[in-house]
Amino acid sequence: MATLDQWAYNFKNLARAGQANSDDDSLGDRQIKFWIQGYRAVGIEQITDFGKNIHPQLLSDFGILELTEIDEADTAACQGIEWGCTIKKTTIPKIVSLPDNRGLVFIGKIDKKTNFDRDKPDTAEFSSSTRFAHVISRYFIVGTTVYVMLSEKDKDIKYINGRGVVEDPTQLKWLEGVAGEECTEICFDDAVHEYPMPMNLYEFVATKIMTKELGMTLQTVESLLNNARNEIQTVQPQE
């Protein structure tokens, strides 16, 4: 995959029909990136419709997510208003809208393979009453907040991991570090980090941008895409 800067440069180059920079070029990177974000979100719903598998390159890893212990009412700003039971929570990026929350594929331990069971907020109480509920860690989601109910054996967990199809990958933040040192927060860098958009989605996005935003004909678009298919992996952003 390419970085967002590389994708933006590629689209700008397509808009110029492969020609070099021109002095009257007014198409800015911010505008192109805005189009990429919007049409990527629309395209994801189409290429995953009817239960199709989600392409692995669409997924983003949320890194290490720190859990905060709260009262179940989650009303820290309202003194004296409590439910009386504790729970843990964390915040995840906004997920692309797909049926049955299919865009969120993993919430679990930081080994990236031990997942927690997903509940719905209105059925979590029933799930907790089942025979084996006390040995299974579970979670439910409200907006971008993940509420985690840890089992007895997992009660000391302070960090979890998540993966999903993010609506705006440029808003991703995660913790990184090296052995023996404290973790630092890393923010998505358009020029450094790979942007989650596989080639089949790229062609959908490119076609929409060139026809809807740049007013090109489908014949022109197909001709330009044919020229770009073998170049996208090597194109570099301008200095």
Protein backbone atom coordinates (compact mmCIF):
# COMPACT_ATOMS: atom_id res chain seq x y z
CA MET A 1 0.00 0.00 0.00
CA ALA A 2 0.98 3.64 -0.39
CA THR A 3 0.90 6.57 2.03
CA LEU A 4 -1.88 9.16 1.83
CA ASP A 5 0.61 11.68 0.42
CA GLN A 6 1.47 9.21 -2.34
CA TRP A 7 -2.21 8.59 -3.11
CA ALA A 8 -2.85 12.36 -3.24
CA TYR A 9 0.12 12.93 -5.54
CA ASN A 10 -1.07 10.12 -7.79
CA PHE A 11 -4.56 11.63 -8.10
CA LYS A 12 -3.07 15.06 -8.81
CA ASN A 13 -0.92 13.52 -11.50
CA LEU A 14 -3.96 11.81 -13.02
CA ALA A 15 -5.82 15.14 -12.98
CA ARG A 16 -2.97 16.66 -14.99
CA ALA A 17 -3.29 13.73 -17.43
CA GLY A 18 0.23 12.68 -16.53
CA GLN A 19 1.78 16.03 -17.40
CA ALA A 20 4.33 17.90 -15.24
CA ASN A 21 3.47 20.72 -12.84
CA SER A 22 1.81 23.76 -14.30
CA ASP A 23 1.91 27.29 -12.90
CA ASP A 24 -1.88 27.60 -13.01
CA ASP A 25 -2.48 24.36 -11.10
CA SER A 26 -4.87 25.17 -8.25
CA LEU A 27 -5.76 21.64 -7.13
CA GLY A 28 -4.50 21.36 -3.55
CA ASP A 29 -3.49 18.25 -1.60
CA ARG A 30 -5.99 19.01 1.19
CA GLN A 31 -8.85 19.03 -1.29
CA ILE A 32 -7.72 15.77 -2.87
CA LYS A 33 -7.30 14.09 0.52
CA PHE A 34 -10.83 15.20 1.49
CA TRP A 35 -12.19 13.53 -1.66
CA ILE A 36 -10.18 10.38 -0.98
CA GLN A 37 -11.56 10.13 2.58
CA GLY A 38 -15.16 10.56 1.48
CA TYR A 39 -15.19 8.24 -1.51
CA ARG A 40 -13.14 5.63 0.36
CA ALA A 41 -15.88 5.41 3.02
CA VAL A 42 -18.58 5.08 0.35
CA GLY A 43 -16.58 2.52 -1.58
CA ILE A 44 -15.92 0.33 1.46
CA GLU A 45 -19.65 -0.19 1.96
CA GLN A 46 -20.04 -1.26 -1.67
CA ILE A 47 -17.10 -3.69 -1.88
CA THR A 48 -18.10 -5.38 1.40
CA ASP A 49 -21.86 -5.48 0.69
CA PHE A 50 -23.89 -8.69 0.98
CA GLY A 51 -21.52 -10.26 3.50
CA LYS A 52 -18.37 -10.08 1.37
CA ASN A 53 -15.13 -10.54 3.29
CA ILE A 54 -13.39 -7.38 4.44
CA HIS A 55 -10.05 -7.01 2.68
CA PRO A 56 -7.21 -7.27 5.26
CA GLN A 57 -5.60 -4.10 3.90
CA LEU A 58 -8.69 -2.11 4.86
CA LEU A 59 -8.07 -2.84 8.53
CA SER A 60 -6.24 -0.55 10.93
CA ASP A 61 -4.70 -1.68 14.19
CA PHE A 62 -5.61 0.61 17.10
CA GLY A 63 -2.44 -0.31 18.98
CA ILE A 64 -2.45 -0.39 22.77
CA LEU A 65 -5.66 1.05 24.25
CA GLU A 66 -5.55 2.05 27.90
CA LEU A 67 -8.56 1.10 30.06
CA THR A 68 -10.04 3.53 32.58
CA GLU A 69 -12.06 2.26 35.53
CA ILE A 70 -15.37 4.05 36.01
CA ASP A 71 -18.77 3.63 37.61
CA GLU A 72 -21.25 2.00 35.23
CA ALA A 73 -23.26 5.21 35.05
CA ASP A 74 -20.17 6.88 33.50
CA THR A 75 -21.08 10.26 34.98
CA ALA A 76 -17.74 11.45 36.34
CA ALA A 77 -18.76 15.08 35.89
CA CYS A 78 -21.92 14.61 37.99
CA GLN A 79 -20.92 14.15 41.60
CA GLY A 80 -23.13 11.79 43.58
CA ILE A 81 -24.77 10.20 40.54
CA GLU A 82 -23.61 6.61 40.50
CA TRP A 83 -24.89 3.15 39.66
CA GLY A 84 -22.70 1.43 42.22
CA CYS A 85 -20.82 -1.04 39.97
CA THR A 86 -17.47 -0.54 38.32
CA ILE A 87 -16.62 -1.15 34.70
CA LYS A 88 -13.75 -0.20 32.40
CA LYS A 89 -13.79 1.80 29.21
CA THR A 90 -11.63 3.07 26.37
CA THR A 91 -12.16 5.08 23.18
CA ILE A 92 -11.70 3.80 19.65
CA PRO A 93 -11.68 5.67 16.31
CA LYS A 94 -14.94 6.14 14.42
CA ILE A 95 -15.66 2.99 12.41
CA VAL A 96 -17.03 2.94 8.86
CA SER A 97 -20.77 2.29 8.89
CA LEU A 98 -21.36 -1.36 7.96
CA PRO A 99 -24.27 -3.65 8.90
CA ASP A 100 -24.06 -5.29 12.33
CA ASN A 101 -20.88 -3.38 13.22
CA ARG A 102 -18.88 -5.54 10.80
CA GLY A 103 -16.32 -2.76 10.54
CA LEU A 104 -15.04 -3.56 14.05
CA VAL A 105 -13.36 -6.95 13.76
CA PHE A 106 -11.47 -7.30 17.04
CA ILE A 107 -11.53 -6.14 20.64
CA GLY A 108 -9.39 -8.19 22.99
CA LYS A 109 -6.05 -8.71 24.65
CA ILE A 110 -2.85 -7.09 23.43
CA ASP A 111 -1.65 -10.44 22.08
CA LYS A 112 -3.92 -9.49 19.14
CA LYS A 113 -5.57 -12.93 19.03
CA THR A 114 -7.50 -13.43 22.29
CA ASN A 115 -10.79 -11.66 21.64
CA PHE A 116 -13.54 -10.63 24.05
CA ASP A 117 -17.20 -11.47 23.43
CA ARG A 118 -19.30 -8.64 22.04
CA ASP A 119 -22.60 -7.77 23.76
CA LYS A 120 -25.26 -5.28 22.84
CA PRO A 121 -25.97 -2.64 25.51
CA ASP A 122 -29.58 -3.81 25.85
CA THR A 123 -28.66 -7.49 26.29
CA ALA A 124 -25.44 -7.23 28.33
CA GLU A 125 -27.33 -7.87 31.58
CA PHE A 126 -28.67 -11.18 30.28
CA SER A 127 -25.24 -12.23 28.99
CA SER A 128 -23.72 -11.62 32.41
CA SER A 129 -26.25 -14.02 33.95
CA THR A 130 -25.30 -17.02 31.86
CA ARG A 131 -23.55 -20.04 33.31
CA PHE A 132 -20.06 -19.23 32.03
CA ALA A 133 -20.28 -15.44 32.09
CA HIS A 134 -17.77 -15.14 34.94
CA VAL A 135 -14.99 -16.71 32.85
CA ILE A 136 -15.54 -14.65 29.70
CA SER A 137 -14.53 -11.02 29.25
CA ARG A 138 -17.11 -9.05 27.29
CA TYR A 139 -17.64 -5.59 25.85
CA PHE A 140 -20.28 -3.40 24.28
CA ILE A 141 -20.03 -0.17 22.29
CA VAL A 142 -21.77 3.19 22.61
CA GLY A 143 -20.61 5.58 19.90
CA THR A 144 -16.82 5.44 19.96
CA THR A 145 -16.65 4.28 23.59
CA VAL A 146 -15.96 0.62 24.34
CA TYR A 147 -17.19 -0.58 27.75
CA VAL A 148 -15.32 -3.67 28.93
CA MET A 149 -16.55 -6.15 31.55
CA LEU A 150 -13.52 -8.23 32.52
CA SER A 151 -13.78 -11.76 33.82
CA GLU A 152 -12.21 -12.72 37.14
CA LYS A 153 -9.05 -14.03 35.49
CA ASP A 154 -8.70 -10.86 33.38
CA LYS A 155 -9.60 -8.34 36.10
CA ASP A 156 -6.09 -6.84 36.30
CA ILE A 157 -5.85 -6.08 32.58
CA LYS A 158 -4.95 -2.43 31.99
CA TYR A 159 -4.58 -2.40 28.21
CA ILE A 160 -6.46 -3.94 25.30
CA ASN A 161 -6.12 -4.00 21.51
CA GLY A 162 -8.56 -3.39 18.68
CA ARG A 163 -8.76 -3.59 14.87
CA GLY A 164 -11.28 -2.29 12.42
CA VAL A 165 -12.12 -0.34 9.28
CA VAL A 166 -11.67 3.27 10.35
CA GLU A 167 -13.67 6.06 8.74
CA ASP A 168 -10.75 8.50 8.91
CA PRO A 169 -7.39 6.71 9.27
CA THR A 170 -5.56 10.05 9.62
CA GLN A 171 -7.11 10.44 13.09
CA LEU A 172 -5.51 7.23 14.38
CA LYS A 173 -3.33 7.42 17.49
CA TRP A 174 -1.57 4.58 19.26
CA LEU A 175 1.11 3.84 21.84
CA GLU A 176 4.56 2.65 20.86
CA GLY A 177 7.75 2.08 22.81
CA VAL A 178 10.88 0.02 23.21
CA ALA A 179 11.83 -2.37 25.99
CA GLY A 180 12.64 -0.60 29.24
CA GLU A 181 11.17 2.75 28.18
CA GLU A 182 7.78 4.38 28.58
CA CYS A 183 5.40 4.22 25.63
CA THR A 184 4.81 7.38 23.62
CA GLU A 185 1.71 8.35 21.67
CA ILE A 186 2.11 8.15 17.89
CA CYS A 187 -0.18 10.07 15.53
CA PHE A 188 -0.91 9.03 11.95
CA ASP A 189 1.51 10.71 9.52
CA ASP A 190 0.24 11.20 5.95
CA ALA A 191 3.78 11.02 4.61
CA VAL A 192 4.97 7.98 6.58
CA HIS A 193 2.21 5.52 7.45
CA GLU A 194 0.47 3.29 4.92
CA TYR A 195 -3.04 4.41 4.09
CA PRO A 196 -5.52 1.49 4.23
CA MET A 197 -6.85 1.41 0.66
CA PRO A 198 -6.31 -1.72 -1.49
CA MET A 199 -6.10 -1.42 -5.26
CA ASN A 200 -9.69 -2.55 -5.97
CA LEU A 201 -10.94 0.32 -3.78
CA TYR A 202 -8.43 2.75 -5.30
CA GLU A 203 -10.00 2.35 -8.74
CA PHE A 204 -13.47 3.05 -7.33
CA VAL A 205 -12.19 6.18 -5.56
CA ALA A 206 -10.23 7.34 -8.61
CA THR A 207 -13.23 6.95 -10.91
CA LYS A 208 -15.49 8.91 -8.55
CA ILE A 209 -13.00 11.75 -8.08
CA MET A 210 -12.23 12.11 -11.77
CA THR A 211 -15.84 11.90 -12.97
CA LYS A 212 -17.71 13.63 -10.12
CA GLU A 213 -15.16 16.20 -8.94
CA LEU A 214 -12.98 16.80 -12.02
CA GLY A 215 -15.64 16.31 -14.70
CA MET A 216 -13.74 13.77 -16.80
CA THR A 217 -15.49 11.34 -19.13
CA LEU A 218 -15.47 7.63 -18.36
CA GLN A 219 -13.41 7.01 -21.50
CA THR A 220 -10.74 9.43 -20.31
CA VAL A 221 -10.80 7.93 -16.82
CA GLU A 222 -10.31 4.38 -18.11
CA SER A 223 -7.41 5.49 -20.30
CA LEU A 224 -5.67 7.23 -17.38
CA LEU A 225 -6.25 4.31 -15.02
CA ASN A 226 -4.73 1.91 -17.52
CA ASN A 227 -1.59 4.03 -17.52
CA ALA A 228 -1.53 4.33 -13.72
CA ARG A 229 -2.16 0.71 -12.72
CA ASN A 230 1.46 -0.29 -13.03
CA GLU A 231 2.87 2.91 -11.58
CA ILE A 232 0.99 3.42 -8.29
CA GLN A 233 3.36 1.24 -6.25
CA THR A 234 6.43 3.27 -7.22
CA VAL A 235 5.16 6.83 -7.46
CA GLN A 236 6.68 9.18 -4.86
CA PRO A 237 5.28 12.46 -3.49
CA GLN A 238 6.88 15.70 -4.56
CA GLU A 239 9.49 17.36 -2.37
